[in-house]
């Protein structure tokens, strides 16, 4: 895996998808998958959890930039 550093490129498609994923879909996953949506479940996938932690600290998005100018 190659780690990105700096500005995350905005994606309209992914942004819309994230906002329209239905509550029904999430509630079904919560009922079927133990621990789904719970904090600290990254321990099940330590490699991905470590990658995500570093990624969040080394990149910034458009919303982060907008917060600076408010």
Protein backbone atom coordinates (compact mmCIF):
# COMPACT_ATOMS: atom_id res chain seq x y z
CA UNK A 1 0.00 0.00 0.00
CA UNK A 2 1.22 3.42 -0.86
CA UNK A 3 0.38 6.06 1.71
CA UNK A 4 -0.89 9.44 0.57
CA UNK A 5 0.45 12.61 2.17
CA UNK A 6 -1.15 16.04 1.75
CA UNK A 7 -4.42 17.14 0.17
CA UNK A 8 -7.10 14.50 -0.51
CA UNK A 9 -8.63 14.93 -3.98
CA UNK A 10 -12.37 15.64 -3.60
CA UNK A 11 -14.69 13.07 -5.20
CA UNK A 12 -18.28 14.14 -5.84
CA UNK A 13 -19.35 10.53 -6.49
CA UNK A 14 -17.98 9.26 -3.17
CA UNK A 15 -19.37 12.26 -1.32
CA UNK A 16 -22.89 11.64 -2.63
CA UNK A 17 -22.58 7.91 -1.94
CA UNK A 18 -21.55 8.55 1.67
CA UNK A 19 -24.53 10.85 2.24
CA UNK A 20 -27.11 8.57 0.62
CA UNK A 21 -26.15 5.21 2.14
CA UNK A 22 -29.43 4.41 3.78
CA UNK A 23 -30.17 4.05 7.45
CA UNK A 24 -31.82 0.73 6.61
CA UNK A 25 -28.58 -0.67 5.17
CA UNK A 26 -26.64 0.38 8.28
CA UNK A 27 -29.24 -1.06 10.64
CA UNK A 28 -29.18 -4.41 8.79
CA UNK A 29 -25.39 -4.53 9.04
CA UNK A 30 -25.57 -3.66 12.74
CA UNK A 31 -28.00 -6.55 13.29
CA UNK A 32 -25.93 -9.10 11.33
CA UNK A 33 -22.31 -8.11 12.02
CA UNK A 34 -21.27 -8.03 15.67
CA UNK A 35 -19.32 -4.88 16.43
CA UNK A 36 -20.30 -3.09 13.18
CA UNK A 37 -20.01 0.66 13.65
CA UNK A 38 -18.50 0.36 17.11
CA UNK A 39 -15.42 2.31 18.12
CA UNK A 40 -12.27 0.25 18.53
CA UNK A 41 -13.17 -2.51 16.08
CA UNK A 42 -10.02 -1.77 14.09
CA UNK A 43 -8.25 -4.27 16.31
CA UNK A 44 -9.79 -7.00 14.14
CA UNK A 45 -7.78 -5.71 11.16
CA UNK A 46 -4.60 -4.26 12.71
CA UNK A 47 -2.83 -3.56 9.40
CA UNK A 48 -5.78 -1.56 8.05
CA UNK A 49 -6.32 0.18 11.41
CA UNK A 50 -2.70 1.34 11.45
CA UNK A 51 -2.91 2.52 7.83
CA UNK A 52 -6.11 4.48 8.54
CA UNK A 53 -4.66 6.11 11.66
CA UNK A 54 -1.57 7.32 9.80
CA UNK A 55 -3.67 8.35 6.74
CA UNK A 56 -5.96 10.54 8.87
CA UNK A 57 -2.96 12.29 10.41
CA UNK A 58 -1.03 12.88 7.15
CA UNK A 59 -3.82 14.05 4.84
CA UNK A 60 -6.37 16.86 4.84
CA UNK A 61 -9.48 17.46 2.79
CA UNK A 62 -11.52 20.32 1.44
CA UNK A 63 -13.70 20.44 4.57
CA UNK A 64 -10.58 20.80 6.73
CA UNK A 65 -9.49 23.80 4.65
CA UNK A 66 -12.92 25.40 4.89
CA UNK A 67 -12.87 25.07 8.70
CA UNK A 68 -9.65 27.10 8.80
CA UNK A 69 -11.26 30.07 7.07
CA UNK A 70 -14.36 30.27 9.29
